[in-house]
């Protein structure tokens, strides 16, 4: 059907229609691409701006929490207060109330002795009460500590009600108090009103333009809302929070969201709070939408002008081509017509006319020449394919050589790091734990100095073989340099990694190395680190494992140590 229709339309009109369709397609594609690019850039800019807002709030929260923890710890350690801790409460209460005046956000500050009895407090609140079972007191007896946001039911009935009648929520700080001999005699504790965090949020938002309609939500480490609408709910999925930025859907429509986690500061290790900055998608992309409309209108206008211009140009250019077509047609219809006349109109048409004339002269030999060209082309293609195949084989062989350590046959550092990076990405996406072992041969220099470097090479190869034989086939081991090895354990927590590490350590310690008829023993030290969601890249995990290895070396070698907790003795577990 299309063929019949095309037969009824002149070449001039076909070219005009086709060129017009192509022109409109190009204009439409350019318009759509420009619009998408503008929208994408606007989205990136908005998300980057939101990320800066979230980071500002997170940094302020970390800074203020660190300062409050330092204040409590410094006051608890003041030498001039030592004679007053266990005396009558009047003078001590004045000191605490003076401290409260310097920062009104302190809702309550008090000192409880080692039995948990409150001996002095601001406003006399809770004096004589026993707080021995409160988390801040229990943890404060062990060291300076900050407790997460909570509702204080006991203080709720003793403090003045808040303006909006909402329940009081506090962040607790506590630090042990010692006497002159260093014995802990009690805990200095304080309740910081959580309204302080709302002040931080408002201060940051006040520095932004109101028309941006930005909002800030603070979550705890589980994703539960601590500050913002819908308190106590978990509005965002762990995957969204882990992604760093996402689009949140709600009753008010879609909103762009950027995430920044608090990381602590100094001695304050942080409570895992997560700050989410939000902005309505329509507000963020308003400029891009206006630009998209403008681009669309300009594109439609340019397309209409282009179609008209193409029609006029094609009409002019197709006339010589029609004349040439008529001339070629006469060759087949008229017996005596063996050659066309030259057709003029443009350099291209003139060249086409000359080509047709040349073709007619060489028609007798053209088919033979074509077969020769086809044969030669086929040979050239076959030769090129053989060469590409050989190059591919050589490249594959070189790749295998480049990824292997020449001495041990294990992976080298260059091949190991991309695999470890992929494993960390999978951990952040699927939450399956991974762990890293850093292994170092103890006193390896003594082996080289006493038995020679060939003996050292034997020890390195054998230790690498023991490690490779002990781990699972899905785990990865590489020689990281010198006498140091690194192991990537998939689906392994720190405890599981410690069990594998202990088996490796025992196996090496029980192996007799026999280089050049010598018999010698060697031991290894192992540092363990489990990947954490806060790790920006695998180098952070490796760094913690290396620090754990250093600790194992410091503890006398021939042992293992994790970054988070020292595994003192796993022989009974293994």
Protein backbone atom coordinates (compact mmCIF):
# COMPACT_ATOMS: atom_id res chain seq x y z
CA UNK A 1 0.00 0.00 0.00
CA UNK A 2 2.79 2.39 0.89
CA UNK A 3 4.54 1.47 -2.32
CA UNK A 4 1.49 2.35 -4.42
CA UNK A 5 1.07 5.61 -2.54
CA UNK A 6 4.73 6.50 -3.08
CA UNK A 7 4.37 5.79 -6.79
CA UNK A 8 1.67 8.47 -6.98
CA UNK A 9 3.72 11.18 -5.24
CA UNK A 10 6.40 13.03 -7.12
CA UNK A 11 10.01 12.81 -6.01
CA UNK A 12 9.97 16.52 -5.20
CA UNK A 13 7.09 16.11 -2.79
CA UNK A 14 8.53 12.91 -1.29
CA UNK A 15 11.83 14.64 -0.59
CA UNK A 16 9.99 17.63 0.85
CA UNK A 17 7.88 15.42 3.12
CA UNK A 18 10.85 13.33 4.23
CA UNK A 19 13.13 16.33 4.81
CA UNK A 20 10.35 18.09 6.68
CA UNK A 21 9.75 15.04 8.87
CA UNK A 22 13.48 14.73 9.58
CA UNK A 23 13.70 18.43 10.37
CA UNK A 24 10.74 18.28 12.73
CA UNK A 25 12.18 15.16 14.38
CA UNK A 26 15.50 16.89 14.92
CA UNK A 27 13.81 19.97 16.33
CA UNK A 28 11.62 17.81 18.59
CA UNK A 29 14.59 15.74 19.75
CA UNK A 30 16.65 18.88 20.40
CA UNK A 31 13.78 20.49 22.27
CA UNK A 32 13.15 17.39 24.37
CA UNK A 33 16.86 16.90 25.05
CA UNK A 34 17.32 20.53 26.04
CA UNK A 35 14.27 20.35 28.30
CA UNK A 36 15.47 17.15 29.96
CA UNK A 37 18.97 18.59 30.36
CA UNK A 38 17.57 21.77 31.94
CA UNK A 39 15.37 19.70 34.24
CA UNK A 40 18.25 17.42 35.19
CA UNK A 41 20.58 20.33 35.90
CA UNK A 42 17.88 22.06 37.96
CA UNK A 43 17.33 18.84 39.93
CA UNK A 44 21.07 18.45 40.57
CA UNK A 45 21.42 22.07 41.66
CA UNK A 46 18.42 21.81 43.98
CA UNK A 47 19.65 18.55 45.50
CA UNK A 48 23.15 19.99 46.00
CA UNK A 49 21.64 23.04 47.70
CA UNK A 50 19.50 20.77 49.90
CA UNK A 51 22.56 18.70 50.74
CA UNK A 52 24.37 21.84 51.93
CA UNK A 53 21.37 22.72 54.11
CA UNK A 54 21.27 19.20 55.58
CA UNK A 55 25.03 19.27 56.19
CA UNK A 56 24.76 22.68 57.89
CA UNK A 57 22.15 21.34 60.32
CA UNK A 58 24.10 18.11 60.91
CA UNK A 59 27.31 20.05 61.59
CA UNK A 60 25.51 22.39 63.99
CA UNK A 61 23.95 19.47 65.86
CA UNK A 62 27.34 17.74 66.15
CA UNK A 63 29.06 20.96 67.22
CA UNK A 64 26.51 21.84 69.90
CA UNK A 65 26.35 18.26 71.24
CA UNK A 66 30.15 18.12 71.46
CA UNK A 67 30.25 21.44 73.30
CA UNK A 68 27.56 20.37 75.78
CA UNK A 69 29.36 17.07 76.47
CA UNK A 70 32.62 18.95 76.98
CA UNK A 71 30.93 21.42 79.36
CA UNK A 72 29.49 18.64 81.55
CA UNK A 73 32.79 16.77 81.60
CA UNK A 74 34.80 19.94 82.46
CA UNK A 75 32.44 20.97 85.26
CA UNK A 76 32.56 17.44 86.71
CA UNK A 77 36.36 17.63 86.77
CA UNK A 78 36.69 21.13 88.32
CA UNK A 79 39.03 20.96 91.31
CA UNK A 80 37.34 23.86 93.16
CA UNK A 81 34.08 21.86 93.27
CA UNK A 82 35.58 18.73 94.87
CA UNK A 83 34.95 19.86 98.47
CA UNK A 84 31.31 20.69 97.68
CA UNK A 85 30.03 17.57 95.90
CA UNK A 86 29.13 15.68 99.05
CA UNK A 87 28.37 18.70 101.30
CA UNK A 88 25.06 20.52 101.82
CA UNK A 89 23.28 21.31 98.59
CA UNK A 90 23.00 25.09 98.80
CA UNK A 91 26.40 26.13 97.37
CA UNK A 92 26.50 23.34 94.80
CA UNK A 93 22.98 24.17 93.65
CA UNK A 94 24.06 27.78 93.02
CA UNK A 95 26.93 26.61 90.82
CA UNK A 96 24.59 24.40 88.80
CA UNK A 97 22.00 27.18 88.45
CA UNK A 98 24.71 29.57 87.25
CA UNK A 99 25.68 26.98 84.64
CA UNK A 100 22.02 26.70 83.61
CA UNK A 101 21.80 30.46 83.09
CA UNK A 102 24.69 30.39 80.62
CA UNK A 103 22.65 28.05 78.41
CA UNK A 104 18.88 28.23 79.05
CA UNK A 105 18.37 25.13 76.93
CA UNK A 106 19.52 23.11 79.95
CA UNK A 107 16.15 22.13 81.43
CA UNK A 108 17.74 20.41 84.44
CA UNK A 109 21.26 19.90 85.85
CA UNK A 110 21.91 17.81 88.91
CA UNK A 111 24.46 15.76 90.85
CA UNK A 112 23.64 12.26 92.12
CA UNK A 113 25.96 10.41 94.47
CA UNK A 114 27.17 6.88 93.80
CA UNK A 115 23.96 5.43 95.27
CA UNK A 116 21.85 7.35 92.76
CA UNK A 117 20.48 9.91 95.24
CA UNK A 118 20.21 13.43 93.81
CA UNK A 119 22.12 15.67 96.23
CA UNK A 120 21.82 18.98 94.35
CA UNK A 121 19.92 20.15 91.27
CA UNK A 122 18.80 23.33 89.55
CA UNK A 123 15.67 24.69 91.15
CA UNK A 124 15.92 21.94 93.78
CA UNK A 125 14.04 19.64 91.33
CA UNK A 126 14.39 15.91 92.11
CA UNK A 127 16.67 16.58 95.10
CA UNK A 128 16.47 13.54 97.35
CA UNK A 129 15.04 11.35 94.54
CA UNK A 130 16.90 8.25 93.42
CA UNK A 131 17.93 8.12 89.74
CA UNK A 132 20.10 5.04 90.05
CA UNK A 133 18.13 3.17 87.36
CA UNK A 134 18.21 5.97 84.80
CA UNK A 135 20.35 5.20 81.73
CA UNK A 136 22.24 8.49 82.00
CA UNK A 137 23.29 7.68 85.58
CA UNK A 138 24.27 4.06 84.79
CA UNK A 139 26.33 5.07 81.74
CA UNK A 140 27.66 8.22 83.45
CA UNK A 141 29.28 6.09 86.17
CA UNK A 142 31.40 4.57 83.40
CA UNK A 143 32.44 7.77 81.61
CA UNK A 144 31.28 10.95 79.89
CA UNK A 145 28.25 10.07 77.76
CA UNK A 146 25.43 11.59 75.68
CA UNK A 147 22.07 9.79 75.57
CA UNK A 148 19.60 9.92 72.67
CA UNK A 149 16.34 11.91 72.58
CA UNK A 150 13.67 10.70 74.99
CA UNK A 151 10.60 11.84 76.92
CA UNK A 152 11.28 12.47 80.64
CA UNK A 153 8.04 11.51 82.37
CA UNK A 154 9.35 12.43 85.85
CA UNK A 155 10.48 15.94 84.89
CA UNK A 156 7.33 16.44 82.78
CA UNK A 157 5.25 17.02 85.90
CA UNK A 158 7.87 19.21 87.61
CA UNK A 159 8.85 21.65 84.86
CA UNK A 160 6.76 24.52 83.54
CA UNK A 161 4.61 23.40 80.60
CA UNK A 162 5.82 24.24 77.12
CA UNK A 163 4.05 26.86 75.06
CA UNK A 164 2.48 24.35 72.65
CA UNK A 165 1.64 21.86 75.45
CA UNK A 166 3.76 19.17 73.77
CA UNK A 167 5.63 16.68 76.02
CA UNK A 168 9.16 17.65 77.00
CA UNK A 169 11.89 15.74 75.19
CA UNK A 170 15.51 15.79 76.25
CA UNK A 171 19.04 14.79 75.31
CA UNK A 172 20.93 13.66 78.42
CA UNK A 173 24.59 14.34 79.20
CA UNK A 174 26.44 12.76 82.11
CA UNK A 175 30.00 12.54 83.44
CA UNK A 176 31.48 10.76 86.45
CA UNK A 177 32.65 12.87 89.41
CA UNK A 178 35.72 11.74 91.34
CA UNK A 179 37.20 12.74 94.67
CA UNK A 180 40.81 13.74 95.27
CA UNK A 181 41.90 10.09 95.26
CA UNK A 182 40.30 9.45 91.88
CA UNK A 183 37.40 7.34 93.23
CA UNK A 184 34.05 7.89 91.49
CA UNK A 185 31.67 9.45 94.01
CA UNK A 186 28.72 10.20 91.74
CA UNK A 187 27.50 11.49 88.37
CA UNK A 188 26.89 15.04 87.13
CA UNK A 189 23.95 14.90 84.72
CA UNK A 190 21.95 17.36 82.62
CA UNK A 191 18.82 17.30 80.45
CA UNK A 192 19.17 19.45 77.34
CA UNK A 193 15.77 20.44 75.95
CA UNK A 194 15.28 19.00 72.47
CA UNK A 195 13.70 22.34 71.51
CA UNK A 196 17.32 23.43 71.07
CA UNK A 197 17.46 21.32 67.88
CA UNK A 198 14.40 23.13 66.53
CA UNK A 199 16.18 26.44 67.13
CA UNK A 200 19.13 25.16 65.10
CA UNK A 201 16.75 24.06 62.34
CA UNK A 202 15.00 27.45 62.26
CA UNK A 203 18.28 29.38 62.24
CA UNK A 204 19.51 27.46 59.21
CA UNK A 205 16.18 27.85 57.39
CA UNK A 206 16.07 31.58 58.20
CA UNK A 207 19.28 32.01 56.22
CA UNK A 208 17.51 30.59 53.14
CA UNK A 209 15.00 32.39 50.91
CA UNK A 210 11.40 31.74 52.06
CA UNK A 211 10.18 31.14 48.50
CA UNK A 212 12.33 28.00 48.36
CA UNK A 213 9.84 26.35 50.77
CA UNK A 214 12.56 24.15 52.26
CA UNK A 215 11.93 21.89 55.26
CA UNK A 216 14.25 19.98 57.58
CA UNK A 217 13.52 16.67 59.32
CA UNK A 218 15.82 15.00 61.88
CA UNK A 219 15.68 11.21 62.24
CA UNK A 220 17.32 8.81 64.67
CA UNK A 221 19.61 6.02 63.48
CA UNK A 222 16.59 3.78 62.75
CA UNK A 223 14.87 6.40 60.55
CA UNK A 224 12.28 7.43 63.18
CA UNK A 225 11.32 11.14 63.15
CA UNK A 226 12.84 13.08 66.08
CA UNK A 227 12.20 16.60 64.74
CA UNK A 228 9.61 17.52 62.14
CA UNK A 229 6.07 16.48 61.21
CA UNK A 230 4.71 13.02 62.13
CA UNK A 231 6.95 12.49 65.19
CA UNK A 232 7.81 8.89 65.89
CA UNK A 233 7.03 7.64 62.35
CA UNK A 234 9.52 6.22 59.83
CA UNK A 235 8.54 8.01 56.59
CA UNK A 236 11.60 7.08 54.54
CA UNK A 237 12.99 3.68 53.61
CA UNK A 238 16.55 2.66 54.52
CA UNK A 239 17.38 2.42 50.81
CA UNK A 240 16.34 6.05 50.24
CA UNK A 241 18.38 7.24 53.22
CA UNK A 242 21.40 5.22 52.09
CA UNK A 243 21.17 6.70 48.57
CA UNK A 244 21.90 10.20 49.89
CA UNK A 245 19.19 11.88 47.80
CA UNK A 246 15.76 10.75 46.62
CA UNK A 247 12.26 11.92 45.75
CA UNK A 248 9.75 11.66 48.61
CA UNK A 249 6.05 11.27 47.81
CA UNK A 250 3.35 12.48 50.18
CA UNK A 251 -0.11 14.05 50.41
CA UNK A 252 1.37 17.42 49.36
CA UNK A 253 3.01 15.96 46.26
CA UNK A 254 6.58 15.02 45.43
CA UNK A 255 9.54 16.61 47.20
CA UNK A 256 13.26 16.48 46.50
CA UNK A 257 15.20 15.17 49.49
CA UNK A 258 18.91 15.22 50.42
CA UNK A 259 20.40 13.29 53.35
CA UNK A 260 23.35 14.07 55.62
CA UNK A 261 24.21 11.95 58.66
CA UNK A 262 25.76 13.36 61.82
CA UNK A 263 29.24 11.97 62.47
CA UNK A 264 30.12 13.34 65.88
CA UNK A 265 32.98 15.65 66.71
CA UNK A 266 36.01 15.20 68.92
CA UNK A 267 35.23 12.98 71.91
CA UNK A 268 31.52 13.06 71.03
CA UNK A 269 31.09 10.00 68.78
CA UNK A 270 27.58 10.94 67.64
CA UNK A 271 24.17 9.33 68.11
CA UNK A 272 23.56 8.40 64.49
CA UNK A 273 21.08 11.20 63.77
CA UNK A 274 20.12 11.68 60.12
CA UNK A 275 19.18 15.09 58.71
CA UNK A 276 16.86 15.20 55.69
CA UNK A 277 16.38 18.48 53.80
CA UNK A 278 13.24 18.66 51.63
CA UNK A 279 11.89 20.98 48.94
CA UNK A 280 8.72 20.68 46.80
CA UNK A 281 9.66 19.36 43.37
CA UNK A 282 7.48 21.98 41.65
CA UNK A 283 9.32 24.76 43.50
CA UNK A 284 12.76 23.34 42.76
CA UNK A 285 11.99 22.83 39.06
CA UNK A 286 9.92 25.98 38.47
CA UNK A 287 12.71 27.68 36.56
CA UNK A 288 13.41 24.55 34.53
CA UNK A 289 9.71 24.19 33.67
CA UNK A 290 9.57 27.79 32.42
CA UNK A 291 12.71 27.22 30.37
CA UNK A 292 11.21 23.99 28.98
CA UNK A 293 8.09 25.85 27.82
CA UNK A 294 10.19 28.56 26.19
CA UNK A 295 12.39 26.00 24.44
CA UNK A 296 9.30 24.14 23.21
CA UNK A 297 7.74 27.30 21.74
CA UNK A 298 11.00 28.30 20.06
CA UNK A 299 11.40 24.77 18.71
CA UNK A 300 7.89 24.71 17.24
CA UNK A 301 8.43 28.06 15.57
CA UNK A 302 11.80 27.00 14.19
CA UNK A 303 10.29 23.72 12.97
CA UNK A 304 7.49 25.49 11.08
CA UNK A 305 9.92 27.89 9.41
CA UNK A 306 12.24 25.00 8.60
CA UNK A 307 9.50 22.94 6.92
CA UNK A 308 8.57 25.85 4.66
CA UNK A 309 12.19 26.54 3.80
CA UNK A 310 12.86 22.87 3.06
CA UNK A 311 9.91 22.71 0.68
CA UNK A 312 11.11 25.72 -1.31
CA UNK A 313 14.71 24.50 -1.44
CA UNK A 314 13.78 20.96 -2.43
CA UNK A 315 11.55 22.25 -5.21
CA UNK A 316 14.50 24.18 -6.62
CA UNK A 317 17.07 21.43 -6.20
CA UNK A 318 14.94 18.58 -7.50
CA UNK A 319 14.35 20.11 -10.94
CA UNK A 320 17.80 19.19 -12.40
CA UNK A 321 17.47 15.70 -10.89
CA UNK A 322 14.14 15.23 -12.67
CA UNK A 323 15.77 16.28 -15.95
CA UNK A 324 18.59 13.78 -15.41
CA UNK A 325 16.07 11.06 -14.63
CA UNK A 326 14.27 11.76 -17.92
CA UNK A 327 17.57 11.58 -19.80
CA UNK A 328 18.49 8.20 -18.27
CA UNK A 329 14.97 6.92 -18.98
CA UNK A 330 15.39 7.63 -22.68
CA UNK A 331 18.40 5.30 -22.79
CA UNK A 332 16.17 2.32 -22.06
CA UNK A 333 13.27 3.42 -24.26
CA UNK A 334 15.03 4.63 -27.40
CA UNK A 335 17.17 2.03 -29.24
CA UNK A 336 19.58 4.57 -30.61
CA UNK A 337 20.05 6.38 -27.28
CA UNK A 338 23.32 5.20 -25.80
CA UNK A 339 24.53 8.30 -23.99
CA UNK A 340 22.84 11.07 -21.97
CA UNK A 341 23.44 14.75 -22.43
CA UNK A 342 25.14 16.70 -19.70
CA UNK A 343 22.61 18.03 -17.18
CA UNK A 344 23.39 21.29 -15.34
CA UNK A 345 21.93 22.76 -12.18
CA UNK A 346 24.52 22.35 -9.46
CA UNK A 347 28.02 20.89 -9.07
CA UNK A 348 26.51 17.76 -7.52
CA UNK A 349 24.04 17.25 -10.39
CA UNK A 350 26.81 17.91 -12.92
CA UNK A 351 28.99 15.29 -11.25
CA UNK A 352 26.07 12.84 -11.19
CA UNK A 353 25.49 13.42 -14.88
CA UNK A 354 29.19 12.80 -15.60
CA UNK A 355 29.09 9.67 -13.45
CA UNK A 356 26.11 8.30 -15.40
CA UNK A 357 27.93 8.94 -18.68
CA UNK A 358 31.05 7.22 -17.34
CA UNK A 359 28.92 4.31 -16.11
CA UNK A 360 27.41 3.82 -19.53
CA UNK A 361 30.88 3.75 -21.09
CA UNK A 362 32.19 1.18 -18.65
CA UNK A 363 29.10 -0.95 -18.25
CA UNK A 364 30.81 -3.88 -19.94
CA UNK A 365 33.60 -4.15 -17.37
CA UNK A 366 31.78 -2.93 -14.26
CA UNK A 367 30.46 -6.34 -13.21
CA UNK A 368 33.91 -7.96 -13.41
CA UNK A 369 35.50 -5.12 -11.46
CA UNK A 370 32.80 -5.43 -8.82
CA UNK A 371 33.52 -9.14 -8.36
CA UNK A 372 37.25 -8.44 -8.00
CA UNK A 373 36.57 -5.73 -5.43
CA UNK A 374 34.23 -8.03 -3.51
CA UNK A 375 36.82 -10.80 -3.38
CA UNK A 376 39.57 -8.44 -2.21
CA UNK A 377 37.29 -6.90 0.40
CA UNK A 378 36.39 -10.34 1.74
CA UNK A 379 40.07 -11.22 2.11
CA UNK A 380 40.79 -7.93 3.88
CA UNK A 381 37.90 -8.45 6.30
CA UNK A 382 39.04 -11.99 7.09
CA UNK A 383 42.60 -10.79 7.73
CA UNK A 384 41.36 -7.99 9.96
CA UNK A 385 39.17 -10.41 11.95
CA UNK A 386 42.12 -12.78 12.47
CA UNK A 387 44.29 -9.91 13.66
CA UNK A 388 41.63 -8.61 16.07
CA UNK A 389 41.19 -12.14 17.47
CA UNK A 390 44.95 -12.49 18.05
CA UNK A 391 45.12 -9.07 19.71
CA UNK A 392 42.20 -10.01 21.95
CA UNK A 393 43.93 -13.23 23.04
CA UNK A 394 47.13 -11.30 23.78
CA UNK A 395 45.27 -8.65 25.77
CA UNK A 396 43.49 -11.34 27.81
CA UNK A 397 46.79 -13.02 28.62
CA UNK A 398 48.35 -9.68 29.61
CA UNK A 399 45.34 -8.90 31.80
CA UNK A 400 45.76 -12.19 33.69
CA UNK A 401 49.46 -11.48 34.22
CA UNK A 402 48.77 -7.90 35.37
CA UNK A 403 46.22 -9.04 37.97
CA UNK A 404 48.45 -11.68 39.63
CA UNK A 405 51.24 -11.27 42.15
CA UNK A 406 54.33 -12.82 40.58
CA UNK A 407 55.62 -14.42 43.80
CA UNK A 408 52.46 -15.94 45.30
CA UNK A 409 50.11 -16.22 42.34
CA UNK A 410 47.48 -14.37 44.41
CA UNK A 411 45.69 -11.20 43.34
CA UNK A 412 47.74 -8.03 43.57
CA UNK A 413 46.64 -4.70 45.03
CA UNK A 414 45.55 -3.31 41.64
CA UNK A 415 43.22 -6.26 40.98
CA UNK A 416 41.94 -6.51 44.57
CA UNK A 417 40.75 -2.92 45.08
CA UNK A 418 38.06 -2.93 42.31
CA UNK A 419 36.66 -6.20 43.73
CA UNK A 420 36.61 -4.72 47.23
CA UNK A 421 34.94 -1.57 45.94
CA UNK A 422 32.17 -3.64 44.29
CA UNK A 423 31.70 -5.61 47.52
CA UNK A 424 31.31 -2.39 49.54
CA UNK A 425 28.73 -1.08 47.03
CA UNK A 426 26.81 -4.37 47.35
CA UNK A 427 27.00 -4.09 51.16
CA UNK A 428 25.50 -0.59 51.11
CA UNK A 429 22.78 -1.71 48.67
CA UNK A 430 21.80 -5.10 50.14
CA UNK A 431 23.06 -4.72 53.77
CA UNK A 432 24.96 -8.00 53.70
CA UNK A 433 27.99 -7.64 55.98
CA UNK A 434 31.56 -7.81 54.73
CA UNK A 435 34.82 -7.80 56.66
CA UNK A 436 38.47 -7.12 55.84
CA UNK A 437 41.50 -8.94 57.32
CA UNK A 438 44.91 -7.24 57.23
CA UNK A 439 47.62 -9.90 57.77
CA UNK A 440 51.31 -9.25 58.38
CA UNK A 441 54.12 -11.79 58.93
CA UNK A 442 55.76 -11.08 62.31
CA UNK A 443 59.47 -10.21 62.38
CA UNK A 444 59.79 -10.95 58.67
CA UNK A 445 62.95 -8.90 58.39
CA UNK A 446 64.69 -11.38 60.73
CA UNK A 447 63.90 -14.20 58.29
CA UNK A 448 65.48 -12.29 55.41
CA UNK A 449 68.48 -11.22 57.47
CA UNK A 450 69.15 -14.70 58.90
CA UNK A 451 68.17 -17.05 56.07
CA UNK A 452 68.26 -14.80 53.02
CA UNK A 453 65.61 -13.37 50.73
CA UNK A 454 64.95 -16.70 48.91
CA UNK A 455 63.90 -18.17 52.27
CA UNK A 456 61.69 -15.15 52.87
CA UNK A 457 60.04 -15.74 49.49
CA UNK A 458 59.31 -19.34 50.52
CA UNK A 459 57.64 -18.13 53.73
CA UNK A 460 55.57 -15.53 51.84
CA UNK A 461 54.40 -18.12 49.29
CA UNK A 462 53.51 -20.66 51.98
CA UNK A 463 51.61 -18.11 54.11
CA UNK A 464 49.70 -17.00 51.01
CA UNK A 465 48.84 -20.64 50.26
CA UNK A 466 47.62 -21.22 53.85
CA UNK A 467 45.38 -18.15 53.69
CA UNK A 468 44.00 -19.15 50.28
CA UNK A 469 43.28 -22.72 51.47
CA UNK A 470 41.56 -21.54 54.70
CA UNK A 471 39.10 -19.02 53.29
CA UNK A 472 36.05 -19.80 51.19
CA UNK A 473 36.09 -19.83 47.40
CA UNK A 474 33.83 -16.76 47.37
CA UNK A 475 36.31 -14.74 49.48
CA UNK A 476 39.20 -12.78 47.97
CA UNK A 477 42.84 -12.72 49.08
CA UNK A 478 45.64 -10.56 47.73
CA UNK A 479 49.23 -9.82 48.49
CA UNK A 480 49.07 -6.15 49.48
CA UNK A 481 52.81 -5.58 49.44
CA UNK A 482 55.95 -7.05 51.02
CA UNK A 483 54.93 -9.51 53.75
CA UNK A 484 51.41 -8.07 54.03
CA UNK A 485 48.20 -9.77 52.81
CA UNK A 486 44.59 -8.61 52.68
CA UNK A 487 41.43 -10.76 52.72
CA UNK A 488 37.88 -9.71 51.77
CA UNK A 489 35.24 -11.87 53.50
CA UNK A 490 31.73 -11.70 52.05
CA UNK A 491 28.65 -12.24 54.23
CA UNK A 492 30.84 -12.12 57.35
CA UNK A 493 30.44 -10.05 60.50
CA UNK A 494 33.39 -9.10 62.70
CA UNK A 495 32.78 -12.17 64.88
CA UNK A 496 32.68 -14.56 61.92
CA UNK A 497 35.77 -12.92 60.47
CA UNK A 498 37.56 -13.38 63.80
CA UNK A 499 36.91 -17.14 63.70
CA UNK A 500 38.39 -17.42 60.20
CA UNK A 501 41.33 -15.20 61.21
CA UNK A 502 42.06 -17.39 64.22
CA UNK A 503 42.13 -20.53 62.04
CA UNK A 504 44.59 -18.82 59.68
CA UNK A 505 46.76 -17.69 62.61
CA UNK A 506 46.83 -21.17 64.18
CA UNK A 507 47.60 -22.84 60.84
CA UNK A 508 50.57 -20.53 60.18
CA UNK A 509 51.86 -20.86 63.74
CA UNK A 510 51.81 -24.69 63.50
CA UNK A 511 53.52 -24.83 60.09
CA UNK A 512 57.23 -25.66 59.82
CA UNK A 513 58.82 -23.77 56.90
CA UNK A 514 61.74 -25.58 55.21
CA UNK A 515 63.55 -23.25 52.81
CA UNK A 516 66.90 -24.62 51.58
CA UNK A 517 66.92 -27.49 54.13
CA UNK A 518 66.37 -25.01 56.99
CA UNK A 519 63.56 -25.47 59.46
CA UNK A 520 61.96 -22.35 60.85
CA UNK A 521 58.69 -21.18 62.40
CA UNK A 522 56.76 -18.01 61.63
CA UNK A 523 53.75 -16.25 63.10
CA UNK A 524 51.34 -13.65 61.82
CA UNK A 525 49.32 -10.77 63.26
CA UNK A 526 45.84 -10.01 61.95
CA UNK A 527 43.68 -6.86 62.08
CA UNK A 528 39.93 -7.13 61.48
CA UNK A 529 37.41 -4.48 60.45
CA UNK A 530 33.78 -4.82 59.47
CA UNK A 531 32.39 -2.49 56.77
CA UNK A 532 30.18 0.29 58.08
CA UNK A 533 27.43 2.18 56.25
CA UNK A 534 29.29 5.44 56.96
CA UNK A 535 32.34 4.26 54.95
CA UNK A 536 32.61 6.47 51.88
CA UNK A 537 34.79 3.91 50.15
CA UNK A 538 36.60 0.64 50.86
CA UNK A 539 39.75 2.54 51.85
CA UNK A 540 38.03 3.56 55.10
CA UNK A 541 37.35 -0.10 55.97
CA UNK A 542 40.92 -1.09 55.04
CA UNK A 543 42.27 1.77 57.16
CA UNK A 544 40.40 0.49 60.23
CA UNK A 545 41.66 -3.05 59.60
CA UNK A 546 45.19 -1.65 59.32
CA UNK A 547 44.75 0.18 62.63
CA UNK A 548 43.53 -3.05 64.20
CA UNK A 549 46.64 -4.81 62.78
CA UNK A 550 48.83 -2.17 64.38
CA UNK A 551 47.08 -2.82 67.71
CA UNK A 552 47.68 -6.57 67.31
CA UNK A 553 51.38 -5.84 66.69
CA UNK A 554 51.45 -3.63 69.77
CA UNK A 555 49.97 -6.45 71.88
CA UNK A 556 52.89 -8.74 71.23
CA UNK A 557 52.16 -10.16 67.74
CA UNK A 558 50.89 -13.66 66.91
CA UNK A 559 47.34 -12.55 67.70
CA UNK A 560 44.27 -11.03 66.13
CA UNK A 561 42.45 -7.82 66.95
CA UNK A 562 39.26 -6.20 65.69
CA UNK A 563 38.80 -2.49 65.27
CA UNK A 564 35.77 -2.45 67.59
CA UNK A 565 36.66 -4.99 70.25
CA UNK A 566 39.76 -6.96 71.14
CA UNK A 567 39.23 -10.70 70.61
CA UNK A 568 41.42 -11.76 73.51
CA UNK A 569 41.20 -15.51 73.12
CA UNK A 570 39.28 -17.36 70.40
CA UNK A 571 41.02 -20.69 70.88
CA UNK A 572 38.07 -22.00 72.93
CA UNK A 573 35.65 -20.86 70.21
CA UNK A 574 37.59 -22.11 67.18
